[in-house]
């Protein structure tokens, strides 16, 4: 099965990105044949910025994205959203790529399940 997870909220402040990535990681753990794709939109575009420092015991979105990527997951960032936030030309977490609405559309049509956080 192909899962598309669309995240809209910033990495910290709400737990939407955290919960979306928890779900992605659990799918990868329990269903190794599943394909997990994550599309970061709006303030979630900042989830893909590297060098995140969080207090001990607090979740870290960068580490979670790296875990998803290391298990074959794909992570794309809305280019328009990144541009609006001034981060389109900044370095990203390795494995994250700037994308566009056309690719989100293709992923949505191709996915068996689409979840939006």
C-alpha atoms as a PDB file:
ATOM      1  CA  UNK A   1       0.000   0.000   0.000  1.00  0.00           C
ATOM      2  CA  UNK A   2       1.039   3.562  -0.634  1.00  0.00           C
ATOM      3  CA  UNK A   3       0.490   6.115   2.119  1.00  0.00           C
ATOM      4  CA  UNK A   4       0.639   9.848   1.596  1.00  0.00           C
ATOM      5  CA  UNK A   5       0.861  11.982   4.714  1.00  0.00           C
ATOM      6  CA  UNK A   6       0.385  15.716   4.231  1.00  0.00           C
ATOM      7  CA  UNK A   7       1.594  17.890   7.112  1.00  0.00           C
ATOM      8  CA  UNK A   8       0.561  21.550   7.375  1.00  0.00           C
ATOM      9  CA  UNK A   9       1.696  22.688  10.838  1.00  0.00           C
ATOM     10  CA  UNK A  10       5.072  23.924  12.060  1.00  0.00           C
ATOM     11  CA  UNK A  11       7.396  21.338  13.596  1.00  0.00           C
ATOM     12  CA  UNK A  12       6.854  22.662  17.111  1.00  0.00           C
ATOM     13  CA  UNK A  13       3.980  24.494  18.783  1.00  0.00           C
ATOM     14  CA  UNK A  14       1.378  21.844  17.998  1.00  0.00           C
ATOM     15  CA  UNK A  15       1.888  18.116  17.897  1.00  0.00           C
ATOM     16  CA  UNK A  16       0.491  17.564  14.410  1.00  0.00           C
ATOM     17  CA  UNK A  17       3.881  17.063  12.730  1.00  0.00           C
ATOM     18  CA  UNK A  18       4.993  14.861  15.616  1.00  0.00           C
ATOM     19  CA  UNK A  19       1.880  12.679  15.433  1.00  0.00           C
ATOM     20  CA  UNK A  20       2.029  12.452  11.645  1.00  0.00           C
ATOM     21  CA  UNK A  21       5.632  11.256  11.818  1.00  0.00           C
ATOM     22  CA  UNK A  22       4.853   8.838  14.640  1.00  0.00           C
ATOM     23  CA  UNK A  23       2.235   7.293  12.369  1.00  0.00           C
ATOM     24  CA  UNK A  24       4.635   7.178   9.411  1.00  0.00           C
ATOM     25  CA  UNK A  25       7.296   5.465  11.516  1.00  0.00           C
ATOM     26  CA  UNK A  26       4.799   2.922  12.873  1.00  0.00           C
ATOM     27  CA  UNK A  27       3.553   2.089   9.380  1.00  0.00           C
ATOM     28  CA  UNK A  28       7.153   1.504   8.279  1.00  0.00           C
ATOM     29  CA  UNK A  29       7.800  -0.673  11.335  1.00  0.00           C
ATOM     30  CA  UNK A  30       4.656  -2.789  11.068  1.00  0.00           C
ATOM     31  CA  UNK A  31       4.318  -2.948   7.266  1.00  0.00           C
ATOM     32  CA  UNK A  32       7.759  -3.087   5.662  1.00  0.00           C
ATOM     33  CA  UNK A  33       6.239  -3.341   2.185  1.00  0.00           C
ATOM     34  CA  UNK A  34       4.265  -0.111   2.603  1.00  0.00           C
ATOM     35  CA  UNK A  35       5.435   2.976   0.751  1.00  0.00           C
ATOM     36  CA  UNK A  36       5.394   6.119   2.893  1.00  0.00           C
ATOM     37  CA  UNK A  37       5.460   9.565   1.297  1.00  0.00           C
ATOM     38  CA  UNK A  38       5.351  12.809   3.247  1.00  0.00           C
ATOM     39  CA  UNK A  39       4.514  16.194   1.768  1.00  0.00           C
ATOM     40  CA  UNK A  40       5.288  19.262   3.878  1.00  0.00           C
ATOM     41  CA  UNK A  41       3.077  22.285   3.217  1.00  0.00           C
ATOM     42  CA  UNK A  42       2.523  25.727   4.778  1.00  0.00           C
ATOM     43  CA  UNK A  43       4.443  26.094   8.062  1.00  0.00           C
ATOM     44  CA  UNK A  44       5.408  22.405   7.911  1.00  0.00           C
ATOM     45  CA  UNK A  45       7.957  23.366   5.246  1.00  0.00           C
ATOM     46  CA  UNK A  46      10.202  24.354   8.167  1.00  0.00           C
ATOM     47  CA  UNK A  47      10.186  20.748   9.403  1.00  0.00           C
ATOM     48  CA  UNK A  48      12.830  20.018   6.745  1.00  0.00           C
ATOM     49  CA  UNK A  49      15.407  22.464   8.126  1.00  0.00           C
ATOM     50  CA  UNK A  50      18.493  20.751   9.618  1.00  0.00           C
ATOM     51  CA  UNK A  51      20.250  21.265  12.954  1.00  0.00           C
ATOM     52  CA  UNK A  52      17.133  21.276  15.124  1.00  0.00           C
ATOM     53  CA  UNK A  53      17.992  21.394  18.811  1.00  0.00           C
ATOM     54  CA  UNK A  54      15.382  20.278  21.301  1.00  0.00           C
ATOM     55  CA  UNK A  55      15.603  19.683  25.071  1.00  0.00           C
ATOM     56  CA  UNK A  56      16.453  16.186  26.297  1.00  0.00           C
ATOM     57  CA  UNK A  57      13.338  14.072  26.419  1.00  0.00           C
ATOM     58  CA  UNK A  58      11.516  16.221  23.854  1.00  0.00           C
ATOM     59  CA  UNK A  59      10.709  14.902  20.402  1.00  0.00           C
ATOM     60  CA  UNK A  60      12.876  16.057  17.502  1.00  0.00           C
ATOM     61  CA  UNK A  61      11.235  16.380  14.084  1.00  0.00           C
ATOM     62  CA  UNK A  62      14.572  16.282  12.245  1.00  0.00           C
ATOM     63  CA  UNK A  63      15.443  12.895  13.774  1.00  0.00           C
ATOM     64  CA  UNK A  64      11.972  11.591  12.984  1.00  0.00           C
ATOM     65  CA  UNK A  65      12.179  12.680   9.328  1.00  0.00           C
ATOM     66  CA  UNK A  66      15.625  11.091   9.045  1.00  0.00           C
ATOM     67  CA  UNK A  67      14.200   7.849  10.419  1.00  0.00           C
ATOM     68  CA  UNK A  68      11.406   7.824   7.825  1.00  0.00           C
ATOM     69  CA  UNK A  69      13.889   8.587   5.033  1.00  0.00           C
ATOM     70  CA  UNK A  70      16.340   5.916   6.214  1.00  0.00           C
ATOM     71  CA  UNK A  71      13.603   3.303   5.824  1.00  0.00           C
ATOM     72  CA  UNK A  72      12.832   4.335   2.236  1.00  0.00           C
ATOM     73  CA  UNK A  73      10.254   7.040   2.875  1.00  0.00           C
ATOM     74  CA  UNK A  74      10.137  10.055   0.600  1.00  0.00           C
ATOM     75  CA  UNK A  75       9.831  13.633   1.872  1.00  0.00           C
ATOM     76  CA  UNK A  76       8.931  16.563  -0.377  1.00  0.00           C
ATOM     77  CA  UNK A  77       8.414  20.209   0.509  1.00  0.00           C
ATOM     78  CA  UNK A  78       6.002  22.557  -1.220  1.00  0.00           C
ATOM     79  CA  UNK A  79       8.248  24.989  -3.099  1.00  0.00           C
ATOM     80  CA  UNK A  80       5.707  27.814  -2.969  1.00  0.00           C
ATOM     81  CA  UNK A  81       5.348  27.374   0.803  1.00  0.00           C
ATOM     82  CA  UNK A  82       9.125  27.250   1.287  1.00  0.00           C
ATOM     83  CA  UNK A  83       9.560  30.343  -0.872  1.00  0.00           C
ATOM     84  CA  UNK A  84       6.918  32.267   1.096  1.00  0.00           C
ATOM     85  CA  UNK A  85       8.819  31.491   4.293  1.00  0.00           C
ATOM     86  CA  UNK A  86      12.218  32.465   2.891  1.00  0.00           C
ATOM     87  CA  UNK A  87      13.666  28.969   3.170  1.00  0.00           C
ATOM     88  CA  UNK A  88      13.551  27.709  -0.429  1.00  0.00           C
ATOM     89  CA  UNK A  89      17.296  28.169  -0.941  1.00  0.00           C
ATOM     90  CA  UNK A  90      18.410  27.048   2.535  1.00  0.00           C
ATOM     91  CA  UNK A  91      20.010  23.653   3.121  1.00  0.00           C
ATOM     92  CA  UNK A  92      17.512  20.909   3.909  1.00  0.00           C
ATOM     93  CA  UNK A  93      17.701  17.661   5.832  1.00  0.00           C
ATOM     94  CA  UNK A  94      19.405  15.141   3.577  1.00  0.00           C
ATOM     95  CA  UNK A  95      16.771  13.286   1.580  1.00  0.00           C
ATOM     96  CA  UNK A  96      14.200  16.106   1.648  1.00  0.00           C
ATOM     97  CA  UNK A  97      13.484  17.817  -1.663  1.00  0.00           C
ATOM     98  CA  UNK A  98      11.650  20.905  -2.827  1.00  0.00           C
ATOM     99  CA  UNK A  99       8.650  19.963  -4.951  1.00  0.00           C
ATOM    100  CA  UNK A 100       5.456  21.435  -6.362  1.00  0.00           C
ATOM    101  CA  UNK A 101       1.693  21.036  -6.382  1.00  0.00           C
ATOM    102  CA  UNK A 102       1.935  18.859  -9.508  1.00  0.00           C
ATOM    103  CA  UNK A 103       3.880  16.208  -7.600  1.00  0.00           C
ATOM    104  CA  UNK A 104       1.495  16.391  -4.625  1.00  0.00           C
ATOM    105  CA  UNK A 105      -1.352  15.876  -7.089  1.00  0.00           C
ATOM    106  CA  UNK A 106       0.380  12.862  -8.642  1.00  0.00           C
ATOM    107  CA  UNK A 107       1.137  11.378  -5.224  1.00  0.00           C
ATOM    108  CA  UNK A 108      -2.468  11.898  -4.110  1.00  0.00           C
ATOM    109  CA  UNK A 109      -3.907  10.168  -7.178  1.00  0.00           C
ATOM    110  CA  UNK A 110      -1.376   7.328  -6.872  1.00  0.00           C
ATOM    111  CA  UNK A 111      -1.826   6.725  -3.111  1.00  0.00           C
ATOM    112  CA  UNK A 112      -4.053   4.121  -1.524  1.00  0.00           C
ATOM    113  CA  UNK A 113      -4.483   6.262   1.591  1.00  0.00           C
ATOM    114  CA  UNK A 114      -3.990  10.000   2.120  1.00  0.00           C
ATOM    115  CA  UNK A 115      -3.881  11.460   5.619  1.00  0.00           C
ATOM    116  CA  UNK A 116      -3.753  15.169   6.357  1.00  0.00           C
ATOM    117  CA  UNK A 117      -2.386  16.642   9.574  1.00  0.00           C
END
